[in-house]
Amino acid sequence: MEDFESVREKAKSLYESKKEIYCPYFQTKIILNSDGFNHLQYKPNRAPRNIKVQTLKLMLLKKALEIIPKCGTLQEHRVQMEKYGKSQQNGFHKMKQVQYWGFHAILENKKYKIKIIIKQIGDGNKIFWSVMPYDQRLYAQGIAED
C-alpha cells in the first residue's frame, strides 16, 4: 500500500483537475467541491477518519470519478432533514432537506463492489459526497457451492 501522503496528493490533484462530471442518471453535472473531498478524510463531526479508511477512500476516488459518467441505475435514495449553517444566538439551527443517492459498481472481475454517494442540500447543486467499499460478498459461482 502506498504511503498516505502520496495517495492523498494524487487524489487531491485528480479531484481538483475536474470541477464537475456529467451523470446520465440525473441528466446534469455533479459538482466536485471541497466538501466532498473533505468528507473522504473527516467524519461529519469533523474528527479525522482512521488513516486506513482515508487511504482506502482516496484510492477508490479515481474509480468513482470514472463511474459517475456511466451511472444509469440508482440503488439507494435517502431524504432527511439536517442542521444547516451555524447555530443561532438562541441555540437553534436552521434545517434543510438533504438528499443522498447511492450508486453501486462492481469492479475487478466482479470481486469488489463500491458505493458512490451524491448529495444535495435543499434545491442546490448535486455534489460528489463519498465513495466506499460496499461490504457485501460477491459469489464467483453458485451460492450453494460456497
N, C-alpha and C. Protein backbone atom coordinates (compact mmCIF):
# COMPACT_ATOMS: atom_id res chain seq x y z
N MET A 1 0.85 -1.18 0.00
CA MET A 1 0.00 0.00 0.00
C MET A 1 0.89 1.24 0.00
N GLU A 2 0.55 2.18 -0.85
CA GLU A 2 1.33 3.41 -0.94
C GLU A 2 1.20 4.20 0.36
N ASP A 3 2.17 5.08 0.61
CA ASP A 3 2.08 5.87 1.82
C ASP A 3 0.96 6.90 1.70
N PHE A 4 0.40 7.27 2.83
CA PHE A 4 -0.80 8.10 2.88
C PHE A 4 -0.64 9.43 2.16
N GLU A 5 0.45 10.14 2.40
CA GLU A 5 0.63 11.47 1.80
C GLU A 5 0.67 11.39 0.27
N SER A 6 1.31 10.36 -0.25
CA SER A 6 1.37 10.18 -1.69
C SER A 6 -0.03 9.93 -2.27
N VAL A 7 -0.78 9.06 -1.62
CA VAL A 7 -2.15 8.76 -2.05
C VAL A 7 -3.01 10.01 -1.98
N ARG A 8 -2.88 10.75 -0.89
CA ARG A 8 -3.67 11.97 -0.69
C ARG A 8 -3.37 13.01 -1.78
N GLU A 9 -2.10 13.21 -2.07
CA GLU A 9 -1.72 14.21 -3.08
C GLU A 9 -2.21 13.82 -4.47
N LYS A 10 -2.10 12.55 -4.83
CA LYS A 10 -2.59 12.08 -6.14
C LYS A 10 -4.10 12.28 -6.24
N ALA A 11 -4.81 11.91 -5.17
CA ALA A 11 -6.27 12.03 -5.16
C ALA A 11 -6.69 13.51 -5.24
N LYS A 12 -6.01 14.35 -4.48
CA LYS A 12 -6.33 15.79 -4.48
C LYS A 12 -6.10 16.41 -5.85
N SER A 13 -4.99 16.04 -6.47
CA SER A 13 -4.67 16.55 -7.81
C SER A 13 -5.73 16.12 -8.82
N LEU A 14 -6.12 14.85 -8.78
CA LEU A 14 -7.16 14.34 -9.66
C LEU A 14 -8.48 15.07 -9.42
N TYR A 15 -8.87 15.19 -8.16
CA TYR A 15 -10.15 15.81 -7.79
C TYR A 15 -10.20 17.27 -8.23
N GLU A 16 -9.10 17.99 -8.00
CA GLU A 16 -9.07 19.42 -8.35
C GLU A 16 -8.97 19.65 -9.86
N SER A 17 -8.54 18.64 -10.61
CA SER A 17 -8.43 18.79 -12.06
C SER A 17 -9.81 18.77 -12.73
N LYS A 18 -10.81 18.30 -12.01
CA LYS A 18 -12.18 18.25 -12.52
C LYS A 18 -13.06 19.11 -11.62
N LYS A 19 -13.87 19.91 -12.17
CA LYS A 19 -14.79 20.73 -11.38
C LYS A 19 -16.19 20.12 -11.33
N GLU A 20 -16.49 19.36 -12.37
CA GLU A 20 -17.82 18.74 -12.47
C GLU A 20 -17.74 17.54 -13.40
N ILE A 21 -18.70 16.63 -13.23
CA ILE A 21 -18.78 15.43 -14.06
C ILE A 21 -20.25 15.21 -14.41
N TYR A 22 -20.53 14.99 -15.69
CA TYR A 22 -21.91 14.73 -16.12
C TYR A 22 -22.35 13.34 -15.66
N CYS A 23 -23.56 13.27 -15.10
CA CYS A 23 -24.13 12.00 -14.66
C CYS A 23 -25.42 11.74 -15.45
N PRO A 24 -25.46 10.66 -16.22
CA PRO A 24 -26.66 10.39 -17.03
C PRO A 24 -27.91 10.10 -16.21
N TYR A 25 -27.76 9.57 -15.00
CA TYR A 25 -28.95 9.29 -14.20
C TYR A 25 -29.71 10.59 -13.91
N PHE A 26 -29.01 11.62 -13.51
CA PHE A 26 -29.64 12.91 -13.19
C PHE A 26 -29.79 13.80 -14.41
N GLN A 27 -29.11 13.47 -15.48
CA GLN A 27 -29.05 14.29 -16.69
C GLN A 27 -28.59 15.70 -16.35
N THR A 28 -27.58 15.76 -15.48
CA THR A 28 -26.98 17.03 -15.09
C THR A 28 -25.57 16.77 -14.61
N LYS A 29 -24.85 17.83 -14.30
CA LYS A 29 -23.47 17.71 -13.83
C LYS A 29 -23.43 17.59 -12.31
N ILE A 30 -22.52 16.74 -11.85
CA ILE A 30 -22.24 16.58 -10.43
C ILE A 30 -21.05 17.48 -10.13
N ILE A 31 -21.17 18.31 -9.12
CA ILE A 31 -20.12 19.26 -8.76
C ILE A 31 -19.11 18.58 -7.83
N LEU A 32 -17.84 18.80 -8.10
CA LEU A 32 -16.76 18.31 -7.25
C LEU A 32 -16.23 19.50 -6.46
N ASN A 33 -16.73 19.67 -5.24
CA ASN A 33 -16.27 20.79 -4.42
C ASN A 33 -15.46 20.29 -3.22
N SER A 34 -14.96 21.22 -2.44
CA SER A 34 -14.11 20.86 -1.31
C SER A 34 -14.86 20.06 -0.25
N ASP A 35 -16.18 20.22 -0.16
CA ASP A 35 -16.96 19.48 0.84
C ASP A 35 -16.84 17.97 0.62
N GLY A 36 -16.93 17.54 -0.63
CA GLY A 36 -16.83 16.12 -0.93
C GLY A 36 -15.45 15.56 -0.64
N PHE A 37 -14.41 16.29 -1.04
CA PHE A 37 -13.05 15.81 -0.79
C PHE A 37 -12.78 15.78 0.72
N ASN A 38 -13.26 16.79 1.41
CA ASN A 38 -13.09 16.87 2.86
C ASN A 38 -13.78 15.68 3.56
N HIS A 39 -14.96 15.31 3.06
CA HIS A 39 -15.72 14.22 3.67
C HIS A 39 -14.98 12.88 3.56
N LEU A 40 -14.13 12.73 2.56
CA LEU A 40 -13.34 11.50 2.42
C LEU A 40 -12.33 11.36 3.56
N GLN A 41 -11.95 12.49 4.16
CA GLN A 41 -10.91 12.49 5.18
C GLN A 41 -11.43 12.70 6.60
N TYR A 42 -12.61 13.30 6.71
CA TYR A 42 -13.15 13.64 8.03
C TYR A 42 -14.56 13.12 8.21
N LYS A 43 -14.88 12.77 9.44
CA LYS A 43 -16.23 12.34 9.79
C LYS A 43 -17.13 13.57 9.87
N PRO A 44 -18.45 13.37 9.90
CA PRO A 44 -19.35 14.53 10.00
C PRO A 44 -19.10 15.42 11.23
N ASN A 45 -18.56 14.86 12.30
CA ASN A 45 -18.26 15.68 13.48
C ASN A 45 -16.89 16.34 13.38
N ARG A 46 -16.30 16.30 12.20
CA ARG A 46 -15.01 16.92 11.86
C ARG A 46 -13.80 16.24 12.47
N ALA A 47 -13.99 15.09 13.07
CA ALA A 47 -12.86 14.29 13.56
C ALA A 47 -12.24 13.58 12.36
N PRO A 48 -10.92 13.48 12.31
CA PRO A 48 -10.30 12.79 11.17
C PRO A 48 -10.69 11.31 11.15
N ARG A 49 -10.88 10.78 9.96
CA ARG A 49 -11.12 9.35 9.82
C ARG A 49 -9.80 8.62 10.07
N ASN A 50 -9.89 7.35 10.40
CA ASN A 50 -8.73 6.49 10.54
C ASN A 50 -7.91 6.58 9.25
N ILE A 51 -6.58 6.57 9.36
CA ILE A 51 -5.70 6.69 8.18
C ILE A 51 -5.98 5.59 7.16
N LYS A 52 -6.24 4.37 7.61
CA LYS A 52 -6.53 3.28 6.67
C LYS A 52 -7.82 3.54 5.91
N VAL A 53 -8.83 4.07 6.59
CA VAL A 53 -10.10 4.39 5.95
C VAL A 53 -9.92 5.52 4.95
N GLN A 54 -9.19 6.57 5.36
CA GLN A 54 -8.93 7.68 4.45
C GLN A 54 -8.20 7.19 3.20
N THR A 55 -7.17 6.39 3.40
CA THR A 55 -6.37 5.88 2.28
C THR A 55 -7.25 5.08 1.32
N LEU A 56 -8.08 4.21 1.85
CA LEU A 56 -8.96 3.41 1.01
C LEU A 56 -9.91 4.29 0.22
N LYS A 57 -10.56 5.25 0.88
CA LYS A 57 -11.49 6.14 0.18
C LYS A 57 -10.77 6.94 -0.91
N LEU A 58 -9.58 7.45 -0.59
CA LEU A 58 -8.83 8.24 -1.57
C LEU A 58 -8.37 7.39 -2.75
N MET A 59 -8.03 6.13 -2.48
CA MET A 59 -7.62 5.24 -3.57
C MET A 59 -8.81 4.86 -4.46
N LEU A 60 -10.01 4.81 -3.90
CA LEU A 60 -11.21 4.48 -4.68
C LEU A 60 -11.75 5.68 -5.47
N LEU A 61 -11.27 6.87 -5.14
CA LEU A 61 -11.77 8.10 -5.78
C LEU A 61 -11.66 8.06 -7.29
N LYS A 62 -10.53 7.62 -7.82
CA LYS A 62 -10.34 7.58 -9.27
C LYS A 62 -11.42 6.72 -9.93
N LYS A 63 -11.68 5.54 -9.37
CA LYS A 63 -12.72 4.67 -9.92
C LYS A 63 -14.09 5.34 -9.86
N ALA A 64 -14.37 6.00 -8.73
CA ALA A 64 -15.67 6.67 -8.58
C ALA A 64 -15.87 7.72 -9.66
N LEU A 65 -14.83 8.51 -9.91
CA LEU A 65 -14.94 9.58 -10.92
C LEU A 65 -15.06 9.01 -12.33
N GLU A 66 -14.57 7.80 -12.55
CA GLU A 66 -14.73 7.13 -13.84
C GLU A 66 -16.14 6.56 -13.98
N ILE A 67 -16.74 6.17 -12.87
CA ILE A 67 -18.05 5.50 -12.90
C ILE A 67 -19.21 6.49 -12.97
N ILE A 68 -19.10 7.64 -12.35
CA ILE A 68 -20.21 8.61 -12.33
C ILE A 68 -20.76 8.90 -13.73
N PRO A 69 -19.93 9.09 -14.77
CA PRO A 69 -20.49 9.35 -16.10
C PRO A 69 -21.22 8.15 -16.72
N LYS A 70 -21.18 7.01 -16.03
CA LYS A 70 -21.84 5.80 -16.54
C LYS A 70 -23.05 5.40 -15.69
N CYS A 71 -23.32 6.14 -14.60
CA CYS A 71 -24.40 5.78 -13.67
C CYS A 71 -25.75 5.93 -14.35
N GLY A 72 -26.46 4.83 -14.44
CA GLY A 72 -27.77 4.87 -15.05
C GLY A 72 -28.86 4.28 -14.17
N THR A 73 -28.44 3.56 -13.12
CA THR A 73 -29.41 2.89 -12.25
C THR A 73 -29.11 3.23 -10.81
N LEU A 74 -30.12 3.69 -10.12
CA LEU A 74 -29.99 4.08 -8.72
C LEU A 74 -30.23 2.87 -7.82
N GLN A 75 -29.40 2.70 -6.80
CA GLN A 75 -29.60 1.60 -5.85
C GLN A 75 -30.13 2.08 -4.50
N GLU A 76 -29.83 3.33 -4.10
CA GLU A 76 -30.27 3.83 -2.80
C GLU A 76 -30.67 5.29 -2.91
N HIS A 77 -31.65 5.68 -2.10
CA HIS A 77 -32.05 7.09 -2.02
C HIS A 77 -32.54 7.36 -0.62
N ARG A 78 -32.09 8.46 -0.04
CA ARG A 78 -32.50 8.82 1.32
C ARG A 78 -32.76 10.33 1.36
N VAL A 79 -33.84 10.71 2.03
CA VAL A 79 -34.20 12.12 2.22
C VAL A 79 -34.35 12.34 3.71
N GLN A 80 -33.71 13.39 4.23
CA GLN A 80 -33.83 13.68 5.66
C GLN A 80 -33.61 15.17 5.91
N MET A 81 -34.00 15.61 7.07
CA MET A 81 -33.77 16.99 7.50
C MET A 81 -32.46 17.03 8.28
N GLU A 82 -31.61 18.03 7.98
CA GLU A 82 -30.33 18.16 8.67
C GLU A 82 -30.09 19.62 9.06
N LYS A 83 -29.28 19.79 10.09
CA LYS A 83 -28.87 21.13 10.51
C LYS A 83 -28.08 21.76 9.38
N TYR A 84 -28.25 23.08 9.23
CA TYR A 84 -27.58 23.80 8.16
C TYR A 84 -27.00 25.09 8.71
N GLY A 85 -25.73 25.33 8.46
CA GLY A 85 -25.10 26.56 8.92
C GLY A 85 -24.80 26.55 10.41
N LYS A 86 -24.43 27.71 10.93
CA LYS A 86 -24.09 27.85 12.34
C LYS A 86 -25.35 28.00 13.18
N SER A 87 -25.22 27.67 14.46
CA SER A 87 -26.38 27.82 15.34
C SER A 87 -26.68 29.31 15.56
N GLN A 88 -27.94 29.60 15.77
CA GLN A 88 -28.37 30.98 16.01
C GLN A 88 -28.06 31.34 17.47
N GLN A 89 -28.25 32.59 17.82
CA GLN A 89 -27.97 33.04 19.19
C GLN A 89 -28.79 32.28 20.23
N ASN A 90 -29.98 31.87 19.86
CA ASN A 90 -30.84 31.14 20.80
C ASN A 90 -30.50 29.65 20.86
N GLY A 91 -29.47 29.22 20.13
CA GLY A 91 -29.04 27.82 20.17
C GLY A 91 -29.68 26.94 19.12
N PHE A 92 -30.68 27.44 18.42
CA PHE A 92 -31.34 26.65 17.39
C PHE A 92 -30.56 26.69 16.09
N HIS A 93 -30.75 25.66 15.27
CA HIS A 93 -30.14 25.59 13.95
C HIS A 93 -31.21 25.68 12.89
N LYS A 94 -30.88 26.27 11.75
CA LYS A 94 -31.75 26.19 10.59
C LYS A 94 -31.67 24.76 10.08
N MET A 95 -32.76 24.29 9.50
CA MET A 95 -32.81 22.93 8.96
C MET A 95 -33.12 23.00 7.46
N LYS A 96 -32.55 22.06 6.74
CA LYS A 96 -32.82 21.95 5.30
C LYS A 96 -33.01 20.48 4.96
N GLN A 97 -33.77 20.24 3.92
CA GLN A 97 -33.92 18.88 3.41
C GLN A 97 -32.64 18.51 2.67
N VAL A 98 -32.12 17.33 2.96
CA VAL A 98 -30.91 16.84 2.31
C VAL A 98 -31.23 15.48 1.70
N GLN A 99 -30.78 15.30 0.46
CA GLN A 99 -30.99 14.03 -0.22
C GLN A 99 -29.64 13.39 -0.51
N TYR A 100 -29.61 12.07 -0.39
CA TYR A 100 -28.42 11.28 -0.72
C TYR A 100 -28.84 10.20 -1.71
N TRP A 101 -28.03 10.01 -2.74
CA TRP A 101 -28.24 8.96 -3.71
C TRP A 101 -27.03 8.04 -3.69
N GLY A 102 -27.25 6.74 -3.72
CA GLY A 102 -26.16 5.77 -3.72
C GLY A 102 -26.16 4.95 -4.99
N PHE A 103 -25.02 4.91 -5.64
CA PHE A 103 -24.82 4.11 -6.84
C PHE A 103 -23.79 3.04 -6.54
N HIS A 104 -24.08 1.80 -6.89
CA HIS A 104 -23.16 0.69 -6.65
C HIS A 104 -22.47 0.32 -7.96
N ALA A 105 -21.23 -0.09 -7.85
CA ALA A 105 -20.48 -0.54 -9.03
C ALA A 105 -19.65 -1.75 -8.65
N ILE A 106 -19.57 -2.71 -9.55
CA ILE A 106 -18.78 -3.92 -9.34
C ILE A 106 -17.48 -3.75 -10.12
N LEU A 107 -16.35 -4.02 -9.44
CA LEU A 107 -15.03 -3.81 -10.02
C LEU A 107 -14.21 -5.10 -10.05
N GLU A 108 -13.10 -5.04 -10.76
CA GLU A 108 -12.06 -6.08 -10.76
C GLU A 108 -12.61 -7.49 -10.88
N ASN A 109 -13.07 -7.82 -12.04
CA ASN A 109 -13.55 -9.19 -12.31
C ASN A 109 -14.67 -9.63 -11.36
N LYS A 110 -15.53 -8.72 -11.02
CA LYS A 110 -16.71 -8.99 -10.20
C LYS A 110 -16.38 -9.46 -8.79
N LYS A 111 -15.23 -9.05 -8.25
CA LYS A 111 -14.86 -9.44 -6.90
C LYS A 111 -15.07 -8.33 -5.88
N TYR A 112 -15.13 -7.07 -6.32
CA TYR A 112 -15.24 -5.95 -5.41
C TYR A 112 -16.40 -5.06 -5.81
N LYS A 113 -17.04 -4.49 -4.80
CA LYS A 113 -18.17 -3.61 -5.05
C LYS A 113 -17.94 -2.32 -4.28
N ILE A 114 -18.21 -1.17 -4.92
CA ILE A 114 -18.10 0.11 -4.24
C ILE A 114 -19.43 0.84 -4.29
N LYS A 115 -19.57 1.78 -3.39
CA LYS A 115 -20.77 2.62 -3.36
C LYS A 115 -20.32 4.07 -3.50
N ILE A 116 -20.96 4.79 -4.40
CA ILE A 116 -20.68 6.21 -4.65
C ILE A 116 -21.88 7.00 -4.16
N ILE A 117 -21.64 8.04 -3.37
CA ILE A 117 -22.72 8.84 -2.79
C ILE A 117 -22.72 10.23 -3.41
N ILE A 118 -23.89 10.67 -3.84
CA ILE A 118 -24.13 12.02 -4.34
C ILE A 118 -25.07 12.69 -3.33
N LYS A 119 -24.82 13.98 -3.03
CA LYS A 119 -25.59 14.70 -2.02
C LYS A 119 -26.17 15.99 -2.61
N GLN A 120 -27.35 16.36 -2.12
CA GLN A 120 -27.96 17.64 -2.50
C GLN A 120 -28.59 18.25 -1.26
N ILE A 121 -28.24 19.50 -0.97
CA ILE A 121 -28.84 20.24 0.15
C ILE A 121 -29.90 21.16 -0.43
N GLY A 122 -31.14 21.00 0.05
CA GLY A 122 -32.24 21.81 -0.48
C GLY A 122 -32.37 21.63 -1.97
N ASP A 123 -32.46 22.75 -2.70
CA ASP A 123 -32.54 22.66 -4.16
C ASP A 123 -31.21 23.08 -4.80
N GLY A 124 -30.13 22.95 -4.03
CA GLY A 124 -28.79 23.29 -4.53
C GLY A 124 -28.26 22.27 -5.51
N ASN A 125 -26.99 22.44 -5.85
CA ASN A 125 -26.32 21.54 -6.78
C ASN A 125 -26.18 20.15 -6.19
N LYS A 126 -26.13 19.17 -7.05
CA LYS A 126 -25.80 17.81 -6.63
C LYS A 126 -24.28 17.73 -6.60
N ILE A 127 -23.74 17.26 -5.47
CA ILE A 127 -22.29 17.21 -5.31
C ILE A 127 -21.82 15.78 -5.05
N PHE A 128 -20.57 15.50 -5.46
CA PHE A 128 -19.95 14.24 -5.08
C PHE A 128 -19.75 14.30 -3.57
N TRP A 129 -20.15 13.23 -2.87
CA TRP A 129 -20.03 13.23 -1.42
C TRP A 129 -19.07 12.18 -0.90
N SER A 130 -19.11 10.96 -1.44
CA SER A 130 -18.26 9.93 -0.88
C SER A 130 -18.15 8.73 -1.80
N VAL A 131 -17.15 7.92 -1.50
CA VAL A 131 -17.00 6.60 -2.11
C VAL A 131 -16.51 5.68 -1.01
N MET A 132 -16.98 4.44 -1.04
CA MET A 132 -16.59 3.48 -0.01
C MET A 132 -16.75 2.07 -0.56
N PRO A 133 -16.02 1.13 0.03
CA PRO A 133 -16.27 -0.26 -0.36
C PRO A 133 -17.66 -0.65 0.12
N TYR A 134 -18.33 -1.42 -0.68
CA TYR A 134 -19.66 -1.90 -0.30
C TYR A 134 -19.44 -3.28 0.28
N ASP A 135 -19.66 -3.41 1.56
CA ASP A 135 -19.30 -4.63 2.29
C ASP A 135 -20.35 -5.72 2.07
N GLN A 136 -20.19 -6.40 0.95
CA GLN A 136 -21.09 -7.49 0.63
C GLN A 136 -20.29 -8.51 -0.17
N ARG A 137 -20.36 -9.75 0.19
CA ARG A 137 -19.62 -10.78 -0.52
C ARG A 137 -20.28 -11.06 -1.87
N LEU A 138 -19.46 -11.09 -2.89
CA LEU A 138 -19.94 -11.41 -4.22
C LEU A 138 -19.48 -12.83 -4.55
N TYR A 139 -20.40 -13.66 -4.97
CA TYR A 139 -20.09 -15.05 -5.23
C TYR A 139 -19.65 -15.25 -6.66
N ALA A 140 -18.51 -15.94 -6.83
CA ALA A 140 -18.00 -16.22 -8.16
C ALA A 140 -18.83 -17.30 -8.84
N GLN A 141 -19.37 -18.20 -8.02
CA GLN A 141 -20.20 -19.28 -8.56
C GLN A 141 -21.49 -19.34 -7.74
N GLY A 142 -22.20 -20.42 -7.84
CA GLY A 142 -23.47 -20.54 -7.13
C GLY A 142 -23.32 -20.44 -5.62
N ILE A 143 -24.30 -19.88 -4.97
CA ILE A 143 -24.29 -19.71 -3.52
C ILE A 143 -24.21 -21.07 -2.83
N ALA A 144 -24.88 -22.07 -3.36
CA ALA A 144 -24.89 -23.39 -2.74
C ALA A 144 -23.51 -24.01 -2.69
N GLU A 145 -22.61 -23.59 -3.59
CA GLU A 145 -21.27 -24.16 -3.63
C GLU A 145 -20.33 -23.50 -2.64
N ASP A 146 -20.66 -22.36 -2.10
CA ASP A 146 -19.79 -21.65 -1.14
C ASP A 146 -20.12 -22.00 0.29
